[in-house]
C-alpha atoms as a PDB file:
ATOM      1  CA  MET A   1       0.000   0.000   0.000  1.00  0.00           C
ATOM      2  CA  ARG A   2       1.375   3.375  -1.013  1.00  0.00           C
ATOM      3  CA  MET A   3       1.410   5.844   1.852  1.00  0.00           C
ATOM      4  CA  HIS A   4       1.954   9.576   2.097  1.00  0.00           C
ATOM      5  CA  ASN A   5       4.892  10.658   4.244  1.00  0.00           C
ATOM      6  CA  ALA A   6       2.529  12.166   6.817  1.00  0.00           C
ATOM      7  CA  ASP A   7       0.936   8.757   7.276  1.00  0.00           C
ATOM      8  CA  GLU A   8       4.008   7.476   9.076  1.00  0.00           C
ATOM      9  CA  HIS A   9       2.797   9.175  12.240  1.00  0.00           C
ATOM     10  CA  CYS A  10      -0.946   8.648  11.721  1.00  0.00           C
ATOM     11  CA  GLY A  11      -2.500   5.844  13.736  1.00  0.00           C
ATOM     12  CA  ILE A  12      -5.499   5.658  11.398  1.00  0.00           C
ATOM     13  CA  ALA A  13      -3.258   5.176   8.376  1.00  0.00           C
ATOM     14  CA  GLN A  14      -1.161   2.545  10.126  1.00  0.00           C
ATOM     15  CA  ALA A  15      -4.241   0.642  11.285  1.00  0.00           C
ATOM     16  CA  ALA A  16      -5.641   0.808   7.744  1.00  0.00           C
ATOM     17  CA  VAL A  17      -2.611  -1.123   6.506  1.00  0.00           C
ATOM     18  CA  ILE A  18      -3.937  -4.088   8.483  1.00  0.00           C
ATOM     19  CA  THR A  19      -7.697  -3.539   8.570  1.00  0.00           C
ATOM     20  CA  GLY A  20      -8.146  -1.734   5.257  1.00  0.00           C
ATOM     21  CA  ASP A  21      -7.976  -4.950   3.250  1.00  0.00           C
ATOM     22  CA  TRP A  22     -11.311  -6.729   2.685  1.00  0.00           C
ATOM     23  CA  TRP A  23      -9.893 -10.224   3.204  1.00  0.00           C
ATOM     24  CA  ASN A  24      -7.843  -9.300   6.263  1.00  0.00           C
ATOM     25  CA  VAL A  25     -10.986  -8.038   7.998  1.00  0.00           C
ATOM     26  CA  LEU A  26     -12.963 -11.156   7.110  1.00  0.00           C
ATOM     27  CA  VAL A  27     -10.126 -13.456   8.205  1.00  0.00           C
ATOM     28  CA  LEU A  28     -10.109 -11.703  11.591  1.00  0.00           C
ATOM     29  CA  ARG A  29     -13.907 -11.970  11.755  1.00  0.00           C
ATOM     30  CA  GLU A  30     -13.789 -15.725  11.225  1.00  0.00           C
ATOM     31  CA  ILE A  31     -10.967 -16.298  13.701  1.00  0.00           C
ATOM     32  CA  ALA A  32     -12.950 -14.336  16.293  1.00  0.00           C
ATOM     33  CA  ARG A  33     -15.836 -16.719  15.571  1.00  0.00           C
ATOM     34  CA  GLY A  34     -13.613 -19.702  16.405  1.00  0.00           C
ATOM     35  CA  HIS A  35     -12.607 -20.819  12.903  1.00  0.00           C
ATOM     36  CA  VAL A  36      -8.902 -20.965  13.685  1.00  0.00           C
ATOM     37  CA  ARG A  37      -7.667 -23.728  11.366  1.00  0.00           C
ATOM     38  CA  PHE A  38      -6.705 -23.224   7.739  1.00  0.00           C
ATOM     39  CA  ASP A  39      -9.270 -25.549   6.167  1.00  0.00           C
ATOM     40  CA  ALA A  40     -12.093 -24.110   8.284  1.00  0.00           C
ATOM     41  CA  LEU A  41     -11.117 -20.575   7.290  1.00  0.00           C
ATOM     42  CA  ALA A  42     -10.922 -21.513   3.616  1.00  0.00           C
ATOM     43  CA  ALA A  43     -14.358 -23.150   3.776  1.00  0.00           C
ATOM     44  CA  GLU A  44     -16.014 -20.241   5.580  1.00  0.00           C
ATOM     45  CA  LEU A  45     -14.503 -17.566   3.362  1.00  0.00           C
ATOM     46  CA  GLY A  46     -14.502 -19.385   0.018  1.00  0.00           C
ATOM     47  CA  LEU A  47     -10.956 -18.151  -0.441  1.00  0.00           C
ATOM     48  CA  SER A  48      -8.219 -19.829  -2.479  1.00  0.00           C
ATOM     49  CA  ARG A  49      -5.449 -21.485  -0.480  1.00  0.00           C
ATOM     50  CA  LYS A  50      -2.874 -19.180  -2.047  1.00  0.00           C
ATOM     51  CA  VAL A  51      -4.662 -15.968  -1.099  1.00  0.00           C
ATOM     52  CA  LEU A  52      -5.503 -17.249   2.378  1.00  0.00           C
ATOM     53  CA  THR A  53      -1.898 -18.272   3.010  1.00  0.00           C
ATOM     54  CA  GLU A  54      -0.771 -14.802   1.954  1.00  0.00           C
ATOM     55  CA  ARG A  55      -3.296 -13.010   4.202  1.00  0.00           C
ATOM     56  CA  LEU A  56      -2.514 -15.184   7.219  1.00  0.00           C
ATOM     57  CA  GLY A  57       1.206 -14.599   6.709  1.00  0.00           C
ATOM     58  CA  ARG A  58       0.668 -10.834   6.675  1.00  0.00           C
ATOM     59  CA  LEU A  59      -1.457 -10.892   9.816  1.00  0.00           C
ATOM     60  CA  VAL A  60       1.104 -13.027  11.653  1.00  0.00           C
ATOM     61  CA  ALA A  61       3.914 -10.728  10.519  1.00  0.00           C
ATOM     62  CA  SER A  62       1.953  -7.707  11.752  1.00  0.00           C
ATOM     63  CA  GLY A  63       1.599  -9.246  15.207  1.00  0.00           C
ATOM     64  CA  VAL A  64      -2.196  -9.530  15.059  1.00  0.00           C
ATOM     65  CA  LEU A  65      -2.168 -13.338  14.827  1.00  0.00           C
ATOM     66  CA  ARG A  66       0.120 -16.045  16.141  1.00  0.00           C
ATOM     67  CA  ARG A  67       0.514 -19.613  14.943  1.00  0.00           C
ATOM     68  CA  SER A  68       0.038 -22.510  17.375  1.00  0.00           C
ATOM     69  CA  LEU A  69       1.094 -26.038  16.357  1.00  0.00           C
ATOM     70  CA  TYR A  70      -1.657 -28.620  16.828  1.00  0.00           C
ATOM     71  CA  GLN A  71      -0.369 -31.432  14.568  1.00  0.00           C
ATOM     72  CA  ARG A  72       3.182 -32.504  13.690  1.00  0.00           C
ATOM     73  CA  ARG A  73       2.662 -34.981  10.830  1.00  0.00           C
ATOM     74  CA  PRO A  74       1.833 -33.256   8.625  1.00  0.00           C
ATOM     75  CA  VAL A  75       2.540 -29.924  10.285  1.00  0.00           C
ATOM     76  CA  ARG A  76      -0.653 -28.010  10.971  1.00  0.00           C
ATOM     77  CA  TYR A  77      -1.228 -24.728  12.801  1.00  0.00           C
ATOM     78  CA  GLU A  78      -4.085 -22.900  14.425  1.00  0.00           C
ATOM     79  CA  TYR A  79      -4.196 -19.127  13.978  1.00  0.00           C
ATOM     80  CA  LEU A  80      -5.010 -17.321  17.219  1.00  0.00           C
ATOM     81  CA  LEU A  81      -5.524 -13.676  18.079  1.00  0.00           C
ATOM     82  CA  THR A  82      -2.678 -12.032  19.970  1.00  0.00           C
ATOM     83  CA  ASP A  83      -3.292  -9.253  22.483  1.00  0.00           C
ATOM     84  CA  SER A  84      -2.979  -6.877  19.536  1.00  0.00           C
ATOM     85  CA  GLY A  85      -5.589  -8.887  17.639  1.00  0.00           C
ATOM     86  CA  LEU A  86      -7.973  -9.038  20.592  1.00  0.00           C
ATOM     87  CA  ALA A  87      -7.718  -5.263  20.817  1.00  0.00           C
ATOM     88  CA  LEU A  88      -9.195  -5.111  17.297  1.00  0.00           C
ATOM     89  CA  LEU A  89     -12.439  -6.840  18.324  1.00  0.00           C
ATOM     90  CA  PRO A  90     -14.139  -3.597  19.431  1.00  0.00           C
ATOM     91  CA  LEU A  91     -13.327  -2.192  15.990  1.00  0.00           C
ATOM     92  CA  LEU A  92     -14.925  -5.198  14.265  1.00  0.00           C
ATOM     93  CA  VAL A  93     -18.012  -4.897  16.468  1.00  0.00           C
ATOM     94  CA  ALA A  94     -18.237  -1.159  15.762  1.00  0.00           C
ATOM     95  CA  MET A  95     -18.008  -1.884  12.018  1.00  0.00           C
ATOM     96  CA  GLN A  96     -20.822  -4.399  12.374  1.00  0.00           C
ATOM     97  CA  GLU A  97     -23.021  -1.939  14.281  1.00  0.00           C
ATOM     98  CA  TRP A  98     -22.350   0.728  11.652  1.00  0.00           C
ATOM     99  CA  GLY A  99     -23.147  -1.693   8.819  1.00  0.00           C
ATOM    100  CA  ASP A 100     -26.319  -2.920  10.509  1.00  0.00           C
ATOM    101  CA  ARG A 101     -27.503   0.632  11.069  1.00  0.00           C
ATOM    102  CA  TRP A 102     -26.367   2.549   7.995  1.00  0.00           C
ATOM    103  CA  VAL A 103     -25.992  -0.071   5.229  1.00  0.00           C
ATOM    104  CA  LEU A 104     -28.427  -2.835   6.133  1.00  0.00           C
ATOM    105  CA  GLY A 105     -30.753  -0.491   8.048  1.00  0.00           C
ATOM    106  CA  ASP A 106     -32.273   2.944   7.601  1.00  0.00           C
ATOM    107  CA  GLY A 107     -29.906   4.848   9.904  1.00  0.00           C
ATOM    108  CA  THR A 108     -32.139   4.841  12.977  1.00  0.00           C
ATOM    109  CA  THR A 109     -30.967   3.622  16.366  1.00  0.00           C
ATOM    110  CA  THR A 110     -33.100   0.955  17.983  1.00  0.00           C
ATOM    111  CA  ALA A 111     -32.643  -1.456  20.874  1.00  0.00           C
ATOM    112  CA  THR A 112     -34.742  -4.098  19.115  1.00  0.00           C
ATOM    113  CA  ALA A 113     -34.782  -5.527  15.582  1.00  0.00           C
ATOM    114  CA  ALA A 114     -37.156  -6.045  12.684  1.00  0.00           C
ATOM    115  CA  ARG A 115     -38.197  -9.656  12.212  1.00  0.00           C
ATOM    116  CA  ASP A 116     -37.336  -9.503   8.512  1.00  0.00           C
ATOM    117  CA  GLY A 117     -34.003  -7.729   9.009  1.00  0.00           C
ATOM    118  CA  ALA A 118     -30.365  -8.751   8.820  1.00  0.00           C
ATOM    119  CA  GLU A 119     -29.861  -8.924  12.583  1.00  0.00           C
ATOM    120  CA  HIS A 120     -32.830 -11.271  12.961  1.00  0.00           C
ATOM    121  CA  ALA A 121     -31.499 -13.536  10.229  1.00  0.00           C
ATOM    122  CA  ARG A 122     -27.981 -13.524  11.667  1.00  0.00           C
ATOM    123  CA  VAL A 123     -29.081 -14.406  15.212  1.00  0.00           C
ATOM    124  CA  HIS A 124     -31.400 -17.210  14.119  1.00  0.00           C
ATOM    125  CA  ALA A 125     -28.643 -18.616  11.891  1.00  0.00           C
ATOM    126  CA  LEU A 126     -26.674 -19.264  15.102  1.00  0.00           C
ATOM    127  CA  THR A 127     -28.743 -22.392  15.723  1.00  0.00           C
ATOM    128  CA  GLY A 128     -26.425 -25.376  15.268  1.00  0.00           C
ATOM    129  CA  THR A 129     -23.207 -23.355  15.524  1.00  0.00           C
ATOM    130  CA  ARG A 130     -20.618 -23.926  18.231  1.00  0.00           C
ATOM    131  CA  LEU A 131     -19.025 -21.329  20.474  1.00  0.00           C
ATOM    132  CA  PRO A 132     -15.218 -21.057  20.451  1.00  0.00           C
ATOM    133  CA  THR A 133     -13.341 -23.351  22.822  1.00  0.00           C
ATOM    134  CA  ALA A 134     -12.435 -22.053  26.297  1.00  0.00           C
ATOM    135  CA  LEU A 135     -14.293 -18.762  25.900  1.00  0.00           C
ATOM    136  CA  GLU A 136     -14.360 -17.108  29.315  1.00  0.00           C
ATOM    137  CA  LEU A 137     -15.530 -13.681  30.449  1.00  0.00           C
ATOM    138  CA  PRO A 138     -14.936 -11.723  33.674  1.00  0.00           C
ATOM    139  CA  ALA A 139     -17.837 -11.776  36.089  1.00  0.00           C
ATOM    140  CA  ALA A 140     -19.216  -9.531  38.787  1.00  0.00           C
ATOM    141  CA  ASP A 141     -17.580 -11.763  41.434  1.00  0.00           C
ATOM    142  CA  GLY A 142     -14.108 -10.905  40.081  1.00  0.00           C
ATOM    143  CA  VAL A 143     -13.519 -14.350  38.539  1.00  0.00           C
ATOM    144  CA  ASP A 144     -13.430 -15.366  34.877  1.00  0.00           C
ATOM    145  CA  HIS A 145     -16.288 -17.779  34.122  1.00  0.00           C
ATOM    146  CA  PRO A 146     -16.766 -20.084  31.121  1.00  0.00           C
ATOM    147  CA  VAL A 147     -19.539 -18.672  28.969  1.00  0.00           C
ATOM    148  CA  VAL A 148     -21.002 -22.184  28.791  1.00  0.00           C
ATOM    149  CA  ALA A 149     -21.206 -23.867  32.205  1.00  0.00           C
ATOM    150  CA  PRO A 150     -19.383 -27.208  31.820  1.00  0.00           C
ATOM    151  CA  ALA A 151     -21.426 -29.139  34.412  1.00  0.00           C
ATOM    152  CA  ALA A 152     -24.878 -27.909  33.393  1.00  0.00           C
ATOM    153  CA  THR A 153     -27.374 -29.812  31.273  1.00  0.00           C
ATOM    154  CA  ALA A 154     -27.784 -26.570  29.299  1.00  0.00           C
ATOM    155  CA  THR A 155     -26.781 -22.934  29.613  1.00  0.00           C
ATOM    156  CA  VAL A 156     -29.184 -20.065  29.059  1.00  0.00           C
ATOM    157  CA  LEU A 157     -27.382 -16.899  27.992  1.00  0.00           C
ATOM    158  CA  PHE A 158     -29.376 -13.712  27.992  1.00  0.00           C
ATOM    159  CA  THR A 159     -27.921 -10.412  26.886  1.00  0.00           C
ATOM    160  CA  TYR A 160     -29.165  -7.053  28.056  1.00  0.00           C
ATOM    161  CA  PRO A 161     -28.161  -3.415  27.461  1.00  0.00           C
ATOM    162  CA  GLY A 162     -27.165  -2.612  31.059  1.00  0.00           C
ATOM    163  CA  ALA A 163     -28.371  -2.632  34.640  1.00  0.00           C
ATOM    164  CA  THR A 164     -30.760   0.287  34.272  1.00  0.00           C
ATOM    165  CA  GLY A 165     -32.207  -1.256  31.125  1.00  0.00           C
ATOM    166  CA  GLY A 166     -32.234  -4.846  32.337  1.00  0.00           C
ATOM    167  CA  THR A 167     -33.823  -4.788  35.786  1.00  0.00           C
ATOM    168  CA  TRP A 168     -37.091  -6.419  34.733  1.00  0.00           C
ATOM    169  CA  GLU A 169     -35.543  -9.452  33.008  1.00  0.00           C
ATOM    170  CA  HIS A 170     -33.118  -9.930  35.896  1.00  0.00           C
ATOM    171  CA  ARG A 171     -35.963 -10.026  38.382  1.00  0.00           C
ATOM    172  CA  LEU A 172     -37.828 -12.498  36.194  1.00  0.00           C
ATOM    173  CA  PHE A 173     -34.798 -14.784  35.846  1.00  0.00           C
ATOM    174  CA  ARG A 174     -34.053 -14.367  39.561  1.00  0.00           C
ATOM    175  CA  ASP A 175     -37.572 -15.426  40.498  1.00  0.00           C
ATOM    176  CA  ALA A 176     -37.405 -18.410  38.130  1.00  0.00           C
ATOM    177  CA  TRP A 177     -33.886 -19.334  39.232  1.00  0.00           C
ATOM    178  CA  PRO A 178     -35.001 -22.195  41.580  1.00  0.00           C
ATOM    179  CA  GLN A 179     -36.670 -23.904  38.610  1.00  0.00           C
ATOM    180  CA  PHE A 180     -33.585 -23.522  36.424  1.00  0.00           C
ATOM    181  CA  ARG A 181     -31.374 -24.833  39.218  1.00  0.00           C
ATOM    182  CA  ARG A 182     -33.559 -27.886  39.880  1.00  0.00           C
ATOM    183  CA  ALA A 183     -33.354 -28.709  36.167  1.00  0.00           C
ATOM    184  CA  GLY A 184     -29.552 -28.393  36.196  1.00  0.00           C
ATOM    185  CA  VAL A 185     -29.680 -25.441  33.801  1.00  0.00           C
ATOM    186  CA  ALA A 186     -27.157 -22.611  34.202  1.00  0.00           C
ATOM    187  CA  VAL A 187     -28.203 -19.002  33.655  1.00  0.00           C
ATOM    188  CA  HIS A 188     -25.699 -16.316  32.645  1.00  0.00           C
ATOM    189  CA  GLY A 189     -26.571 -12.650  32.136  1.00  0.00           C
ATOM    190  CA  ILE A 190     -24.216 -10.808  29.779  1.00  0.00           C
ATOM    191  CA  SER A 191     -23.777  -7.107  29.068  1.00  0.00           C
ATOM    192  CA  GLY A 192     -21.070  -4.685  28.001  1.00  0.00           C
ATOM    193  CA  GLN A 193     -20.863  -3.213  31.477  1.00  0.00           C
ATOM    194  CA  LEU A 194     -17.712  -3.336  33.563  1.00  0.00           C
ATOM    195  CA  PRO A 195     -17.599  -6.021  36.275  1.00  0.00           C
ATOM    196  CA  TYR A 196     -17.761  -3.505  39.126  1.00  0.00           C
ATOM    197  CA  GLU A 197     -20.919  -2.006  37.611  1.00  0.00           C
ATOM    198  CA  GLN A 198     -22.461  -5.449  37.395  1.00  0.00           C
ATOM    199  CA  LYS A 199     -21.444  -6.261  40.969  1.00  0.00           C
ATOM    200  CA  ALA A 200     -23.201  -3.204  42.350  1.00  0.00           C
ATOM    201  CA  PHE A 201     -26.362  -4.208  40.497  1.00  0.00           C
ATOM    202  CA  ALA A 202     -26.074  -7.900  41.466  1.00  0.00           C
ATOM    203  CA  ASP A 203     -25.682  -7.007  45.139  1.00  0.00           C
ATOM    204  CA  ALA A 204     -28.605  -4.578  45.085  1.00  0.00           C
ATOM    205  CA  GLU A 205     -30.930  -7.034  43.333  1.00  0.00           C
ATOM    206  CA  ALA A 206     -29.650 -10.248  45.005  1.00  0.00           C
ATOM    207  CA  ILE A 207     -28.904 -11.864  41.638  1.00  0.00           C
ATOM    208  CA  PRO A 208     -28.070 -15.575  42.207  1.00  0.00           C
ATOM    209  CA  TYR A 209     -26.510 -16.372  38.817  1.00  0.00           C
ATOM    210  CA  PRO A 210     -23.292 -14.993  37.237  1.00  0.00           C
ATOM    211  CA  LEU A 211     -23.300 -11.682  35.416  1.00  0.00           C
ATOM    212  CA  LEU A 212     -20.581 -11.745  32.747  1.00  0.00           C
ATOM    213  CA  SER A 213     -18.901  -8.691  31.258  1.00  0.00           C
ATOM    214  CA  ASP A 214     -18.194  -8.559  27.528  1.00  0.00           C
ATOM    215  CA  THR A 215     -16.390  -5.226  27.545  1.00  0.00           C
ATOM    216  CA  GLY A 216     -13.702  -6.737  25.297  1.00  0.00           C
ATOM    217  CA  HIS A 217     -16.408  -7.855  22.826  1.00  0.00           C
ATOM    218  CA  ARG A 218     -15.096 -11.430  22.652  1.00  0.00           C
ATOM    219  CA  LEU A 219     -18.537 -13.041  22.786  1.00  0.00           C
ATOM    220  CA  THR A 220     -20.137 -10.281  20.720  1.00  0.00           C
ATOM    221  CA  ALA A 221     -17.567 -10.771  17.956  1.00  0.00           C
ATOM    222  CA  ALA A 222     -17.660 -14.576  18.205  1.00  0.00           C
ATOM    223  CA  LEU A 223     -21.425 -14.698  17.657  1.00  0.00           C
ATOM    224  CA  ARG A 224     -21.830 -11.399  15.778  1.00  0.00           C
ATOM    225  CA  LEU A 225     -24.419 -10.343  18.326  1.00  0.00           C
ATOM    226  CA  PRO A 226     -26.542  -7.282  17.509  1.00  0.00           C
ATOM    227  CA  THR A 227     -25.654  -4.055  19.270  1.00  0.00           C
ATOM    228  CA  PHE A 228     -26.815  -0.460  19.353  1.00  0.00           C
ATOM    229  CA  ARG A 229     -25.085   2.764  20.312  1.00  0.00           C
ATOM    230  CA  ALA A 230     -26.455   5.007  23.057  1.00  0.00           C
ATOM    231  CA  ALA A 231     -24.746   7.676  25.170  1.00  0.00           C
ATOM    232  CA  GLY A 232     -21.522   7.039  23.291  1.00  0.00           C
ATOM    233  CA  ARG A 233     -21.339   3.334  24.204  1.00  0.00           C
ATOM    234  CA  LEU A 234     -22.194   0.123  22.407  1.00  0.00           C
ATOM    235  CA  HIS A 235     -24.863  -1.935  24.157  1.00  0.00           C
ATOM    236  CA  LEU A 236     -26.029  -5.477  23.485  1.00  0.00           C
ATOM    237  CA  LYS A 237     -29.569  -5.907  22.288  1.00  0.00           C
ATOM    238  CA  ARG A 238     -31.782  -8.273  24.256  1.00  0.00           C
ATOM    239  CA  LEU A 239     -31.716 -11.901  23.164  1.00  0.00           C
ATOM    240  CA  VAL A 240     -31.717 -15.376  24.704  1.00  0.00           C
ATOM    241  CA  LEU A 241     -29.618 -18.350  23.612  1.00  0.00           C
ATOM    242  CA  VAL A 242     -29.956 -21.930  24.845  1.00  0.00           C
ATOM    243  CA  ILE A 243     -26.633 -23.764  24.538  1.00  0.00           C
ATOM    244  CA  ASP A 244     -25.871 -27.436  25.161  1.00  0.00           C
ATOM    245  CA  PRO A 245     -22.829 -28.782  27.091  1.00  0.00           C
ATOM    246  CA  GLU A 246     -20.904 -29.184  23.816  1.00  0.00           C
ATOM    247  CA  ARG A 247     -21.171 -25.390  23.311  1.00  0.00           C
ATOM    248  CA  THR A 248     -23.661 -25.721  20.445  1.00  0.00           C
ATOM    249  CA  VAL A 249     -26.458 -23.185  20.162  1.00  0.00           C
ATOM    250  CA  ARG A 250     -29.735 -25.116  20.200  1.00  0.00           C
ATOM    251  CA  HIS A 251     -32.322 -22.349  20.388  1.00  0.00           C
ATOM    252  CA  THR A 252     -32.460 -18.593  19.873  1.00  0.00           C
ATOM    253  CA  LEU A 253     -35.042 -16.098  21.100  1.00  0.00           C
ATOM    254  CA  PHE A 254     -34.761 -12.786  19.260  1.00  0.00           C
ATOM    255  CA  PRO A 255     -35.960 -10.141  19.237  1.00  0.00           C
ATOM    256  CA  VAL A 256     -36.994 -10.096  22.868  1.00  0.00           C
ATOM    257  CA  ASP A 257     -39.479  -7.256  23.040  1.00  0.00           C
ATOM    258  CA  ASP A 258     -41.893  -6.350  25.815  1.00  0.00           C
ATOM    259  CA  ASN A 259     -43.053  -9.897  26.581  1.00  0.00           C
ATOM    260  CA  LEU A 260     -40.127 -10.731  28.842  1.00  0.00           C
ATOM    261  CA  PRO A 261     -42.077 -13.142  31.073  1.00  0.00           C
ATOM    262  CA  ARG A 262     -42.817 -15.263  28.009  1.00  0.00           C
ATOM    263  CA  ALA A 263     -39.117 -15.201  27.035  1.00  0.00           C
ATOM    264  CA  VAL A 264     -38.079 -16.513  30.468  1.00  0.00           C
ATOM    265  CA  GLU A 265     -40.738 -19.236  30.333  1.00  0.00           C
ATOM    266  CA  ASP A 266     -39.627 -20.228  26.819  1.00  0.00           C
ATOM    267  CA  ALA A 267     -35.968 -20.292  27.887  1.00  0.00           C
ATOM    268  CA  LEU A 268     -36.739 -22.725  30.722  1.00  0.00           C
ATOM    269  CA  ARG A 269     -38.920 -24.899  28.510  1.00  0.00           C
ATOM    270  CA  LEU A 270     -36.386 -25.074  25.692  1.00  0.00           C
ATOM    271  CA  ALA A 271     -33.439 -25.640  28.041  1.00  0.00           C
ATOM    272  CA  THR A 272     -35.147 -28.590  29.704  1.00  0.00           C
ATOM    273  CA  THR A 273     -36.081 -30.235  26.396  1.00  0.00           C
ATOM    274  CA  THR A 274     -32.690 -29.761  24.649  1.00  0.00           C
END
C-alpha cells in the first residue's frame, strides 16, 4: 500500500494497513468466531489457499495473529488472536453496528430488531453453531467464568443493554432461578458493562446467577451479536440463547421485546427439552 509521508505518524493510516484490506478483515472476523484452522477458514470464506496463506502470513507478521502447532505430521497450525488482535475486536463490532444501522438499516438507532431484518437472520442462523473453545468472560464476582457452564445440562445466555435497562428481566430470571437450578440449567446474564458495575447491580438485586462482562467484545464478535449505540457506548440488544454442554447453540429467542415473562418461560422450557 502506497502511503503519504505524513501517514508514518498517523494511527489511522497505520491501522488501515492491516484492517483496510477486505480479506484481512474477514479473516479476523472468522478467527474471532472460532474458525482458527486453515481448512475451516478456507471453507467459511470461500478463499483460495494461495490468497488465504498470503493473508494469514501478513497478519502473523503484523503481530495480530500467532501460529500454534496442533499437529506434527503433517505440520498443521491454528491461527489465534494475539493481544494486539484481541484489541481489534471492538473495531470489528463497531463496524458491524455501523453496517447494521447505515448499510443494512435505515440509519435509525433501535434497541430491538425487525423480524425480517439482517440482525434477525444472523441471530437465528446461530442455531447449530458452536461457540469457540475455552471462551471465558470476567464476572461480577471478580472471577473469569466459562460462557457455557461445563457441568450444566444446558446454559441459558441472555444479553441485556445494562443494569438500568435490564432490571425487569433480571428479576424475572431471579424469580425463576429455583426452577432452572432444579433442572440443572445454568443461567448467565451478559452485558457490556464493567464487572464492578455489574457487581453493584447484582448485590442490590440479590442476583443468584453470574453476570458476565463482555467489555472486550469477545462473545459479541464470536457470535456477531446485535448491538446499538447510546450515550456514546455500544450496548447489546436483548436476546436469549440456549446452549448445550458441547457449546452448540440449540435455540435462539430474538428479538426479545416487551413480553419478557414469556421469554423466560420459553428459555426454561427449551433448556429442559434440549
